[in-house]
Structure formats: C-alpha cells, structure tokens
Amino acid sequence: MEISDWRKKIDVIDQEILRLLNDRAHAANEIGKIKETIHAAVYEPDRERTIFTNLHKSNQGPLTNDDLTQIYEQIIAIMRELQTRR
C-alpha cells in the first residue's frame, strides 16, 4: 500500500476510535449518575488497576504496556472528570 492508502486507513480507524470513546464517555456518565445516587467515590483506584491489568494481558503490540498505560491514564482521567460534570 502507498502512504495515502495508509492515511485513509488511519482516517477510518480514527472515526471508529472516536465512536468508541464517545460510547465509553456515555457509559462513564451513566456510572457517574449511579455513583452520585449511592454517594460512591468517583475515583476508584482498584478499578483503574483492573483496567490496566486487563489491557496489559490482552496487549499484543506494537504498543507497549507502558504506552497503553499512558494512553489510558488520560482516557480515564477525562472519563472521571465527566462523571463530576453536573
């Protein structure tokens, strides 16, 4: 494939990532509503560790586990912040 073909492929992938991130944000909002109702903490370090562990177990690269951790730390931080927007 040519570079332009790879770029088109990346554009399609980016649209799918965007859709999935918004799906994840919707789920985080719903969890935030439940947490608010039951007066649960937004920050759950055990849950975050579980997410990282699951990702690392299923990672087949080329991203390293450290790469995934950095990416997901940002995603989780944003999702956590979404849960507090009310």
PDB file of N, CA and C in Angstrom:
ATOM      1  N   MET A   1       0.838  -1.188   0.000  1.00  0.00           N
ATOM      2  CA  MET A   1       0.000   0.000   0.000  1.00  0.00           C
ATOM      3  C   MET A   1       0.877   1.244   0.000  1.00  0.00           C
ATOM      4  N   GLU A   2       0.336   2.289  -0.588  1.00  0.00           N
ATOM      5  CA  GLU A   2       1.018   3.586  -0.616  1.00  0.00           C
ATOM      6  C   GLU A   2       0.708   4.348   0.675  1.00  0.00           C
ATOM      7  N   ILE A   3       1.486   5.396   0.913  1.00  0.00           N
ATOM      8  CA  ILE A   3       1.278   6.203   2.118  1.00  0.00           C
ATOM      9  C   ILE A   3      -0.142   6.777   2.171  1.00  0.00           C
ATOM     10  N   SER A   4      -0.656   7.174   1.021  1.00  0.00           N
ATOM     11  CA  SER A   4      -2.022   7.728   1.002  1.00  0.00           C
ATOM     12  C   SER A   4      -3.050   6.670   1.399  1.00  0.00           C
ATOM     13  N   ASP A   5      -2.822   5.431   1.026  1.00  0.00           N
ATOM     14  CA  ASP A   5      -3.718   4.347   1.418  1.00  0.00           C
ATOM     15  C   ASP A   5      -3.672   4.133   2.928  1.00  0.00           C
ATOM     16  N   TRP A   6      -2.465   4.172   3.494  1.00  0.00           N
ATOM     17  CA  TRP A   6      -2.317   4.021   4.940  1.00  0.00           C
ATOM     18  C   TRP A   6      -2.995   5.177   5.676  1.00  0.00           C
ATOM     19  N   ARG A   7      -2.891   6.361   5.122  1.00  0.00           N
ATOM     20  CA  ARG A   7      -3.530   7.520   5.755  1.00  0.00           C
ATOM     21  C   ARG A   7      -5.046   7.415   5.713  1.00  0.00           C
ATOM     22  N   LYS A   8      -5.569   6.916   4.610  1.00  0.00           N
ATOM     23  CA  LYS A   8      -7.018   6.693   4.523  1.00  0.00           C
ATOM     24  C   LYS A   8      -7.451   5.668   5.561  1.00  0.00           C
ATOM     25  N   LYS A   9      -6.643   4.634   5.720  1.00  0.00           N
ATOM     26  CA  LYS A   9      -6.949   3.608   6.716  1.00  0.00           C
ATOM     27  C   LYS A   9      -6.943   4.218   8.117  1.00  0.00           C
ATOM     28  N   ILE A  10      -5.957   5.066   8.396  1.00  0.00           N
ATOM     29  CA  ILE A  10      -5.893   5.741   9.698  1.00  0.00           C
ATOM     30  C   ILE A  10      -7.117   6.624   9.911  1.00  0.00           C
ATOM     31  N   ASP A  11      -7.561   7.326   8.864  1.00  0.00           N
ATOM     32  CA  ASP A  11      -8.757   8.167   8.979  1.00  0.00           C
ATOM     33  C   ASP A  11      -9.985   7.352   9.370  1.00  0.00           C
ATOM     34  N   VAL A  12     -10.129   6.182   8.780  1.00  0.00           N
ATOM     35  CA  VAL A  12     -11.252   5.297   9.108  1.00  0.00           C
ATOM     36  C   VAL A  12     -11.128   4.810  10.547  1.00  0.00           C
ATOM     37  N   ILE A  13      -9.928   4.411  10.933  1.00  0.00           N
ATOM     38  CA  ILE A  13      -9.690   3.944  12.299  1.00  0.00           C
ATOM     39  C   ILE A  13      -9.979   5.059  13.298  1.00  0.00           C
ATOM     40  N   ASP A  14      -9.539   6.282  12.986  1.00  0.00           N
ATOM     41  CA  ASP A  14      -9.796   7.415  13.882  1.00  0.00           C
ATOM     42  C   ASP A  14     -11.283   7.637  14.102  1.00  0.00           C
ATOM     43  N   GLN A  15     -12.077   7.475  13.073  1.00  0.00           N
ATOM     44  CA  GLN A  15     -13.527   7.633  13.215  1.00  0.00           C
ATOM     45  C   GLN A  15     -14.099   6.554  14.136  1.00  0.00           C
ATOM     46  N   GLU A  16     -13.579   5.348  14.036  1.00  0.00           N
ATOM     47  CA  GLU A  16     -14.035   4.260  14.906  1.00  0.00           C
ATOM     48  C   GLU A  16     -13.597   4.506  16.351  1.00  0.00           C
ATOM     49  N   ILE A  17     -12.373   4.963  16.541  1.00  0.00           N
ATOM     50  CA  ILE A  17     -11.899   5.298  17.890  1.00  0.00           C
ATOM     51  C   ILE A  17     -12.779   6.391  18.490  1.00  0.00           C
ATOM     52  N   LEU A  18     -13.102   7.401  17.705  1.00  0.00           N
ATOM     53  CA  LEU A  18     -13.966   8.487  18.179  1.00  0.00           C
ATOM     54  C   LEU A  18     -15.327   7.950  18.626  1.00  0.00           C
ATOM     55  N   ARG A  19     -15.910   7.083  17.814  1.00  0.00           N
ATOM     56  CA  ARG A  19     -17.208   6.498  18.162  1.00  0.00           C
ATOM     57  C   ARG A  19     -17.103   5.710  19.468  1.00  0.00           C
ATOM     58  N   LEU A  20     -16.053   4.925  19.603  1.00  0.00           N
ATOM     59  CA  LEU A  20     -15.875   4.112  20.806  1.00  0.00           C
ATOM     60  C   LEU A  20     -15.599   4.971  22.039  1.00  0.00           C
ATOM     61  N   LEU A  21     -14.818   6.028  21.873  1.00  0.00           N
ATOM     62  CA  LEU A  21     -14.571   6.928  23.007  1.00  0.00           C
ATOM     63  C   LEU A  21     -15.858   7.592  23.476  1.00  0.00           C
ATOM     64  N   ASN A  22     -16.697   7.991  22.530  1.00  0.00           N
ATOM     65  CA  ASN A  22     -17.978   8.587  22.916  1.00  0.00           C
ATOM     66  C   ASN A  22     -18.901   7.558  23.560  1.00  0.00           C
ATOM     67  N   ASP A  23     -18.855   6.302  23.101  1.00  0.00           N
ATOM     68  CA  ASP A  23     -19.613   5.240  23.764  1.00  0.00           C
ATOM     69  C   ASP A  23     -19.116   5.058  25.199  1.00  0.00           C
ATOM     70  N   ARG A  24     -17.795   5.086  25.360  1.00  0.00           N
ATOM     71  CA  ARG A  24     -17.206   4.938  26.695  1.00  0.00           C
ATOM     72  C   ARG A  24     -17.604   6.119  27.584  1.00  0.00           C
ATOM     73  N   ALA A  25     -17.604   7.317  27.012  1.00  0.00           N
ATOM     74  CA  ALA A  25     -17.992   8.513  27.767  1.00  0.00           C
ATOM     75  C   ALA A  25     -19.450   8.421  28.206  1.00  0.00           C
ATOM     76  N   HIS A  26     -20.304   7.925  27.348  1.00  0.00           N
ATOM     77  CA  HIS A  26     -21.717   7.749  27.711  1.00  0.00           C
ATOM     78  C   HIS A  26     -21.834   6.784  28.893  1.00  0.00           C
ATOM     79  N   ALA A  27     -21.109   5.668  28.828  1.00  0.00           N
ATOM     80  CA  ALA A  27     -21.133   4.692  29.925  1.00  0.00           C
ATOM     81  C   ALA A  27     -20.606   5.326  31.212  1.00  0.00           C
ATOM     82  N   ALA A  28     -19.537   6.110  31.098  1.00  0.00           N
ATOM     83  CA  ALA A  28     -18.971   6.778  32.277  1.00  0.00           C
ATOM     84  C   ALA A  28     -19.981   7.753  32.877  1.00  0.00           C
ATOM     85  N   ASN A  29     -20.690   8.484  32.037  1.00  0.00           N
ATOM     86  CA  ASN A  29     -21.737   9.394  32.533  1.00  0.00           C
ATOM     87  C   ASN A  29     -22.809   8.640  33.305  1.00  0.00           C
ATOM     88  N   GLU A  30     -23.231   7.518  32.772  1.00  0.00           N
ATOM     89  CA  GLU A  30     -24.265   6.724  33.442  1.00  0.00           C
ATOM     90  C   GLU A  30     -23.749   6.184  34.773  1.00  0.00           C
ATOM     91  N   ILE A  31     -22.505   5.733  34.795  1.00  0.00           N
ATOM     92  CA  ILE A  31     -21.911   5.270  36.048  1.00  0.00           C
ATOM     93  C   ILE A  31     -21.831   6.428  37.040  1.00  0.00           C
ATOM     94  N   GLY A  32     -21.475   7.602  36.550  1.00  0.00           N
ATOM     95  CA  GLY A  32     -21.413   8.782  37.413  1.00  0.00           C
ATOM     96  C   GLY A  32     -22.748   9.092  38.053  1.00  0.00           C
ATOM     97  N   LYS A  33     -23.824   8.942  37.304  1.00  0.00           N
ATOM     98  CA  LYS A  33     -25.167   9.172  37.858  1.00  0.00           C
ATOM     99  C   LYS A  33     -25.465   8.176  38.975  1.00  0.00           C
ATOM    100  N   ILE A  34     -25.108   6.927  38.743  1.00  0.00           N
ATOM    101  CA  ILE A  34     -25.340   5.901  39.764  1.00  0.00           C
ATOM    102  C   ILE A  34     -24.503   6.192  41.000  1.00  0.00           C
ATOM    103  N   LYS A  35     -23.232   6.531  40.792  1.00  0.00           N
ATOM    104  CA  LYS A  35     -22.348   6.836  41.925  1.00  0.00           C
ATOM    105  C   LYS A  35     -22.894   8.011  42.738  1.00  0.00           C
ATOM    106  N   GLU A  36     -23.425   9.007  42.037  1.00  0.00           N
ATOM    107  CA  GLU A  36     -23.990  10.162  42.729  1.00  0.00           C
ATOM    108  C   GLU A  36     -25.185   9.746  43.590  1.00  0.00           C
ATOM    109  N   THR A  37     -26.019   8.885  43.053  1.00  0.00           N
ATOM    110  CA  THR A  37     -27.201   8.411  43.769  1.00  0.00           C
ATOM    111  C   THR A  37     -26.831   7.630  45.030  1.00  0.00           C
ATOM    112  N   ILE A  38     -25.784   6.808  44.912  1.00  0.00           N
ATOM    113  CA  ILE A  38     -25.411   5.960  46.057  1.00  0.00           C
ATOM    114  C   ILE A  38     -24.266   6.574  46.876  1.00  0.00           C
ATOM    115  N   HIS A  39     -23.890   7.804  46.518  1.00  0.00           N
ATOM    116  CA  HIS A  39     -22.829   8.535  47.221  1.00  0.00           C
ATOM    117  C   HIS A  39     -21.505   7.773  47.218  1.00  0.00           C
ATOM    118  N   ALA A  40     -21.178   7.208  46.066  1.00  0.00           N
ATOM    119  CA  ALA A  40     -19.913   6.484  45.905  1.00  0.00           C
ATOM    120  C   ALA A  40     -18.844   7.427  45.357  1.00  0.00           C
ATOM    121  N   ALA A  41     -17.614   7.122  45.650  1.00  0.00           N
ATOM    122  CA  ALA A  41     -16.492   7.927  45.165  1.00  0.00           C
ATOM    123  C   ALA A  41     -16.342   7.795  43.654  1.00  0.00           C
ATOM    124  N   VAL A  42     -16.000   8.892  43.016  1.00  0.00           N
ATOM    125  CA  VAL A  42     -15.754   8.871  41.575  1.00  0.00           C
ATOM    126  C   VAL A  42     -14.439   8.147  41.295  1.00  0.00           C
ATOM    127  N   TYR A  43     -13.433   8.433  42.091  1.00  0.00           N
ATOM    128  CA  TYR A  43     -12.122   7.824  41.902  1.00  0.00           C
ATOM    129  C   TYR A  43     -12.082   6.448  42.554  1.00  0.00           C
ATOM    130  N   GLU A  44     -11.819   5.439  41.747  1.00  0.00           N
ATOM    131  CA  GLU A  44     -11.733   4.064  42.230  1.00  0.00           C
ATOM    132  C   GLU A  44     -10.416   3.448  41.754  1.00  0.00           C
ATOM    133  N   PRO A  45      -9.347   3.595  42.545  1.00  0.00           N
ATOM    134  CA  PRO A  45      -8.034   3.111  42.111  1.00  0.00           C
ATOM    135  C   PRO A  45      -7.996   1.608  41.821  1.00  0.00           C
ATOM    136  N   ASP A  46      -8.758   0.811  42.553  1.00  0.00           N
ATOM    137  CA  ASP A  46      -8.771  -0.632  42.284  1.00  0.00           C
ATOM    138  C   ASP A  46      -9.337  -0.923  40.898  1.00  0.00           C
ATOM    139  N   ARG A  47     -10.384  -0.205  40.531  1.00  0.00           N
ATOM    140  CA  ARG A  47     -10.977  -0.390  39.197  1.00  0.00           C
ATOM    141  C   ARG A  47      -9.978   0.003  38.112  1.00  0.00           C
ATOM    142  N   GLU A  48      -9.261   1.094  38.336  1.00  0.00           N
ATOM    143  CA  GLU A  48      -8.268   1.530  37.343  1.00  0.00           C
ATOM    144  C   GLU A  48      -7.152   0.499  37.207  1.00  0.00           C
ATOM    145  N   ARG A  49      -6.703  -0.067  38.315  1.00  0.00           N
ATOM    146  CA  ARG A  49      -5.670  -1.109  38.253  1.00  0.00           C
ATOM    147  C   ARG A  49      -6.180  -2.318  37.469  1.00  0.00           C
ATOM    148  N   THR A  50      -7.442  -2.649  37.655  1.00  0.00           N
ATOM    149  CA  THR A  50      -8.042  -3.770  36.916  1.00  0.00           C
ATOM    150  C   THR A  50      -8.053  -3.489  35.421  1.00  0.00           C
ATOM    151  N   ILE A  51      -8.395  -2.267  35.052  1.00  0.00           N
ATOM    152  CA  ILE A  51      -8.400  -1.885  33.634  1.00  0.00           C
ATOM    153  C   ILE A  51      -7.006  -2.063  33.051  1.00  0.00           C
ATOM    154  N   PHE A  52      -5.993  -1.546  33.731  1.00  0.00           N
ATOM    155  CA  PHE A  52      -4.617  -1.660  33.233  1.00  0.00           C
ATOM    156  C   PHE A  52      -4.185  -3.122  33.140  1.00  0.00           C
ATOM    157  N   THR A  53      -4.507  -3.901  34.143  1.00  0.00           N
ATOM    158  CA  THR A  53      -4.141  -5.322  34.132  1.00  0.00           C
ATOM    159  C   THR A  53      -4.777  -6.037  32.950  1.00  0.00           C
ATOM    160  N   ASN A  54      -6.063  -5.788  32.729  1.00  0.00           N
ATOM    161  CA  ASN A  54      -6.768  -6.419  31.600  1.00  0.00           C
ATOM    162  C   ASN A  54      -6.167  -6.008  30.266  1.00  0.00           C
ATOM    163  N   LEU A  55      -5.860  -4.727  30.123  1.00  0.00           N
ATOM    164  CA  LEU A  55      -5.261  -4.252  28.874  1.00  0.00           C
ATOM    165  C   LEU A  55      -3.894  -4.887  28.652  1.00  0.00           C
ATOM    166  N   HIS A  56      -3.089  -4.933  29.681  1.00  0.00           N
ATOM    167  CA  HIS A  56      -1.743  -5.490  29.556  1.00  0.00           C
ATOM    168  C   HIS A  56      -1.792  -6.973  29.201  1.00  0.00           C
ATOM    169  N   LYS A  57      -2.736  -7.688  29.779  1.00  0.00           N
ATOM    170  CA  LYS A  57      -2.863  -9.123  29.485  1.00  0.00           C
ATOM    171  C   LYS A  57      -3.224  -9.379  28.029  1.00  0.00           C
ATOM    172  N   SER A  58      -4.046  -8.517  27.463  1.00  0.00           N
ATOM    173  CA  SER A  58      -4.507  -8.745  26.091  1.00  0.00           C
ATOM    174  C   SER A  58      -3.669  -8.015  25.041  1.00  0.00           C
ATOM    175  N   ASN A  59      -2.716  -7.214  25.466  1.00  0.00           N
ATOM    176  CA  ASN A  59      -1.901  -6.443  24.532  1.00  0.00           C
ATOM    177  C   ASN A  59      -0.972  -7.345  23.719  1.00  0.00           C
ATOM    178  N   GLN A  60      -1.046  -7.186  22.410  1.00  0.00           N
ATOM    179  CA  GLN A  60      -0.174  -7.939  21.512  1.00  0.00           C
ATOM    180  C   GLN A  60       0.724  -7.016  20.700  1.00  0.00           C
ATOM    181  N   GLY A  61       0.778  -5.730  21.076  1.00  0.00           N
ATOM    182  CA  GLY A  61       1.664  -4.788  20.417  1.00  0.00           C
ATOM    183  C   GLY A  61       1.156  -4.357  19.061  1.00  0.00           C
ATOM    184  N   PRO A  62       1.829  -3.435  18.454  1.00  0.00           N
ATOM    185  CA  PRO A  62       3.168  -2.944  18.762  1.00  0.00           C
ATOM    186  C   PRO A  62       3.234  -1.935  19.913  1.00  0.00           C
ATOM    187  N   LEU A  63       2.094  -1.487  20.432  1.00  0.00           N
ATOM    188  CA  LEU A  63       2.138  -0.608  21.601  1.00  0.00           C
ATOM    189  C   LEU A  63       2.660  -1.398  22.791  1.00  0.00           C
ATOM    190  N   THR A  64       3.513  -0.771  23.576  1.00  0.00           N
ATOM    191  CA  THR A  64       3.983  -1.415  24.796  1.00  0.00           C
ATOM    192  C   THR A  64       2.937  -1.241  25.892  1.00  0.00           C
ATOM    193  N   ASN A  65       3.065  -2.000  26.954  1.00  0.00           N
ATOM    194  CA  ASN A  65       2.160  -1.821  28.086  1.00  0.00           C
ATOM    195  C   ASN A  65       2.295  -0.424  28.677  1.00  0.00           C
ATOM    196  N   ASP A  66       3.510   0.114  28.688  1.00  0.00           N
ATOM    197  CA  ASP A  66       3.699   1.494  29.152  1.00  0.00           C
ATOM    198  C   ASP A  66       2.956   2.486  28.259  1.00  0.00           C
ATOM    199  N   ASP A  67       2.993   2.256  26.943  1.00  0.00           N
ATOM    200  CA  ASP A  67       2.244   3.113  26.014  1.00  0.00           C
ATOM    201  C   ASP A  67       0.759   3.078  26.352  1.00  0.00           C
ATOM    202  N   LEU A  68       0.234   1.869  26.519  1.00  0.00           N
ATOM    203  CA  LEU A  68      -1.190   1.726  26.839  1.00  0.00           C
ATOM    204  C   LEU A  68      -1.544   2.397  28.155  1.00  0.00           C
ATOM    205  N   THR A  69      -0.676   2.240  29.138  1.00  0.00           N
ATOM    206  CA  THR A  69      -0.932   2.864  30.437  1.00  0.00           C
ATOM    207  C   THR A  69      -1.010   4.379  30.284  1.00  0.00           C
ATOM    208  N   GLN A  70      -0.093   4.963  29.533  1.00  0.00           N
ATOM    209  CA  GLN A  70      -0.118   6.418  29.332  1.00  0.00           C
ATOM    210  C   GLN A  70      -1.391   6.859  28.630  1.00  0.00           C
ATOM    211  N   ILE A  71      -1.775   6.145  27.600  1.00  0.00           N
ATOM    212  CA  ILE A  71      -2.988   6.490  26.856  1.00  0.00           C
ATOM    213  C   ILE A  71      -4.212   6.383  27.768  1.00  0.00           C
ATOM    214  N   TYR A  72      -4.321   5.269  28.479  1.00  0.00           N
ATOM    215  CA  TYR A  72      -5.496   5.046  29.307  1.00  0.00           C
ATOM    216  C   TYR A  72      -5.529   5.899  30.555  1.00  0.00           C
ATOM    217  N   GLU A  73      -4.379   6.312  31.056  1.00  0.00           N
ATOM    218  CA  GLU A  73      -4.392   7.264  32.177  1.00  0.00           C
ATOM    219  C   GLU A  73      -5.113   8.537  31.761  1.00  0.00           C
ATOM    220  N   GLN A  74      -4.879   8.984  30.541  1.00  0.00           N
ATOM    221  CA  GLN A  74      -5.550  10.188  30.040  1.00  0.00           C
ATOM    222  C   GLN A  74      -7.039   9.936  29.810  1.00  0.00           C
ATOM    223  N   ILE A  75      -7.347   8.813  29.185  1.00  0.00           N
ATOM    224  CA  ILE A  75      -8.751   8.482  28.929  1.00  0.00           C
ATOM    225  C   ILE A  75      -9.519   8.397  30.249  1.00  0.00           C
ATOM    226  N   ILE A  76      -8.957   7.682  31.209  1.00  0.00           N
ATOM    227  CA  ILE A  76      -9.628   7.502  32.495  1.00  0.00           C
ATOM    228  C   ILE A  76      -9.782   8.833  33.224  1.00  0.00           C
ATOM    229  N   ALA A  77      -8.760   9.657  33.177  1.00  0.00           N
ATOM    230  CA  ALA A  77      -8.846  10.966  33.844  1.00  0.00           C
ATOM    231  C   ALA A  77      -9.981  11.800  33.249  1.00  0.00           C
ATOM    232  N   ILE A  78     -10.110  11.780  31.943  1.00  0.00           N
ATOM    233  CA  ILE A  78     -11.184  12.535  31.284  1.00  0.00           C
ATOM    234  C   ILE A  78     -12.541  11.935  31.626  1.00  0.00           C
ATOM    235  N   MET A  79     -12.643  10.616  31.621  1.00  0.00           N
ATOM    236  CA  MET A  79     -13.905   9.961  31.951  1.00  0.00           C
ATOM    237  C   MET A  79     -14.289  10.238  33.411  1.00  0.00           C
ATOM    238  N   ARG A  80     -13.299  10.252  34.289  1.00  0.00           N
ATOM    239  CA  ARG A  80     -13.556  10.560  35.708  1.00  0.00           C
ATOM    240  C   ARG A  80     -14.080  11.982  35.833  1.00  0.00           C
ATOM    241  N   GLU A  81     -13.472  12.897  35.077  1.00  0.00           N
ATOM    242  CA  GLU A  81     -13.911  14.291  35.110  1.00  0.00           C
ATOM    243  C   GLU A  81     -15.339  14.422  34.569  1.00  0.00           C
ATOM    244  N   LEU A  82     -15.675  13.642  33.547  1.00  0.00           N
ATOM    245  CA  LEU A  82     -17.037  13.654  33.015  1.00  0.00           C
ATOM    246  C   LEU A  82     -18.061  13.263  34.080  1.00  0.00           C
ATOM    247  N   GLN A  83     -17.676  12.341  34.954  1.00  0.00           N
ATOM    248  CA  GLN A  83     -18.601  11.889  35.988  1.00  0.00           C
ATOM    249  C   GLN A  83     -18.911  12.989  37.006  1.00  0.00           C
ATOM    250  N   THR A  84     -18.064  14.000  37.070  1.00  0.00           N
ATOM    251  CA  THR A  84     -18.294  15.059  38.052  1.00  0.00           C
ATOM    252  C   THR A  84     -18.982  16.281  37.442  1.00  0.00           C
ATOM    253  N   ARG A  85     -19.183  16.306  36.148  1.00  0.00           N
ATOM    254  CA  ARG A  85     -19.867  17.431  35.490  1.00  0.00           C
ATOM    255  C   ARG A  85     -21.369  17.293  35.683  1.00  0.00           C
ATOM    256  N   ARG A  86     -21.908  18.095  36.520  1.00  0.00           N
ATOM    257  CA  ARG A  86     -23.364  18.073  36.727  1.00  0.00           C
ATOM    258  C   ARG A  86     -23.822  19.453  37.109  1.00  0.00           C
TER     259      ARG A  86
END
